[in-house]
Amino acid sequence: MSLYARIVRRSVPGLVRLACVLALVALCLVCWSVLQPRPLPVILAMSAGHAIGGSAFACYLLAVILDAVQRPLPPGSEPVAPSISDAPGDSKKHQDSELSSQTTNSG
């Protein structure tokens, strides 16, 4: 296993744990400002609390992206079709109904 694969595999749970801890710290700051509405707790909650909460969200988002990138496709599945014309269903029927609705609305 390569060094990159080991780092990615071990970093996803670590990022999720870090996101949880940061979110709890931010929540404590915000709760402190609600329970003790003085200038200092409110300023800390509005600045540091929200910055720490945003960092927690960024860590969680990065963990989700890393997990999605490292997870292989199931065997036998194909990637999503790049165009809508390749989608299953009757595209001719949809085009005909679209044309008929345009003619009824313009008349």
Protein backbone atom coordinates (compact mmCIF):
# COMPACT_ATOMS: atom_id res chain seq x y z
CA MET A 1 0.00 0.00 0.00
CA SER A 2 1.42 3.38 -0.95
CA LEU A 3 2.06 6.22 1.46
CA TYR A 4 -0.68 8.34 -0.14
CA ALA A 5 -3.26 5.56 0.28
CA ARG A 6 -2.33 5.13 3.95
CA ILE A 7 -2.58 8.86 4.61
CA VAL A 8 -5.96 9.14 2.91
CA ARG A 9 -7.33 6.05 4.65
CA ARG A 10 -6.24 7.20 8.11
CA SER A 11 -7.10 10.86 7.61
CA VAL A 12 -10.84 10.42 6.98
CA PRO A 13 -11.69 9.20 10.52
CA GLY A 14 -9.26 11.74 11.97
CA LEU A 15 -10.90 14.58 10.05
CA VAL A 16 -14.35 13.49 11.22
CA ARG A 17 -13.16 13.38 14.84
CA LEU A 18 -11.56 16.81 14.47
CA ALA A 19 -14.77 18.17 12.96
CA CYS A 20 -16.77 16.82 15.92
CA VAL A 21 -14.43 18.34 18.49
CA LEU A 22 -14.38 21.71 16.71
CA ALA A 23 -18.16 21.71 16.41
CA LEU A 24 -18.53 21.01 20.13
CA VAL A 25 -16.11 23.81 21.03
CA ALA A 26 -18.02 26.22 18.79
CA LEU A 27 -21.31 25.08 20.30
CA CYS A 28 -19.96 25.70 23.81
CA LEU A 29 -18.94 29.23 22.86
CA VAL A 30 -22.35 29.99 21.40
CA CYS A 31 -24.15 28.51 24.41
CA TRP A 32 -21.95 30.52 26.74
CA SER A 33 -22.97 33.71 24.98
CA VAL A 34 -26.64 32.77 25.30
CA LEU A 35 -26.39 31.89 28.99
CA GLN A 36 -24.25 34.88 29.90
CA PRO A 37 -25.15 37.70 27.48
CA ARG A 38 -22.30 40.09 28.23
CA PRO A 39 -20.18 41.78 25.57
CA LEU A 40 -17.16 39.46 25.74
CA PRO A 41 -19.02 36.12 25.39
CA VAL A 42 -21.20 37.52 22.62
CA ILE A 43 -18.19 38.86 20.69
CA LEU A 44 -16.34 35.56 21.12
CA ALA A 45 -19.36 33.58 19.96
CA MET A 46 -19.90 35.82 16.94
CA SER A 47 -16.27 35.75 15.83
CA ALA A 48 -14.36 32.77 17.22
CA GLY A 49 -17.37 30.50 17.61
CA HIS A 50 -18.47 30.92 14.03
CA ALA A 51 -14.91 30.61 12.70
CA ILE A 52 -14.42 27.38 14.64
CA GLY A 53 -17.79 26.09 13.43
CA GLY A 54 -16.87 26.92 9.84
CA SER A 55 -13.59 25.06 10.29
CA ALA A 56 -15.51 22.05 11.59
CA PHE A 57 -17.73 22.11 8.52
CA ALA A 58 -14.69 22.38 6.24
CA CYS A 59 -13.05 19.38 7.93
CA TYR A 60 -16.20 17.31 7.57
CA LEU A 61 -16.62 18.31 3.92
CA LEU A 62 -13.01 17.38 3.19
CA ALA A 63 -13.51 14.01 4.88
CA VAL A 64 -16.59 13.32 2.76
CA ILE A 65 -14.77 14.27 -0.44
CA LEU A 66 -11.73 12.13 0.44
CA ASP A 67 -13.96 9.18 1.27
CA ALA A 68 -15.90 9.52 -1.98
CA VAL A 69 -12.73 9.78 -4.05
CA GLN A 70 -11.02 6.75 -2.53
CA ARG A 71 -14.09 4.50 -2.71
CA PRO A 72 -14.05 2.41 -5.94
CA LEU A 73 -17.12 1.87 -8.11
CA PRO A 74 -18.96 -1.41 -7.48
CA PRO A 75 -18.12 -4.15 -10.01
CA GLY A 76 -20.36 -4.14 -13.06
CA SER A 77 -21.47 -0.54 -12.66
CA GLU A 78 -20.82 2.10 -15.27
CA PRO A 79 -20.15 5.79 -14.69
CA VAL A 80 -22.99 8.26 -15.12
CA ALA A 81 -23.78 9.08 -18.76
CA PRO A 82 -22.35 12.46 -19.81
CA SER A 83 -25.41 13.51 -21.81
CA ILE A 84 -29.12 13.40 -21.20
CA SER A 85 -29.74 11.80 -24.59
CA ASP A 86 -28.14 8.59 -23.28
CA ALA A 87 -30.60 8.42 -20.39
CA PRO A 88 -33.08 5.55 -20.36
CA GLY A 89 -36.61 6.30 -21.50
CA ASP A 90 -38.33 7.58 -24.61
CA SER A 91 -36.71 10.91 -25.44
CA LYS A 92 -38.73 11.18 -28.67
CA LYS A 93 -41.98 11.09 -26.69
CA HIS A 94 -40.74 13.92 -24.46
CA GLN A 95 -39.74 16.04 -27.45
CA ASP A 96 -43.15 15.50 -29.10
CA SER A 97 -45.03 16.52 -25.96
CA GLU A 98 -42.84 19.60 -25.64
CA LEU A 99 -43.63 20.66 -29.22
CA SER A 100 -47.36 20.16 -28.76
CA SER A 101 -47.39 22.21 -25.57
CA GLN A 102 -45.59 25.06 -27.35
CA THR A 103 -48.15 25.11 -30.17
CA THR A 104 -51.12 25.10 -27.80
CA ASN A 105 -49.69 27.92 -25.69
CA SER A 106 -48.92 30.18 -28.66
CA GLY A 107 -52.39 29.86 -30.26
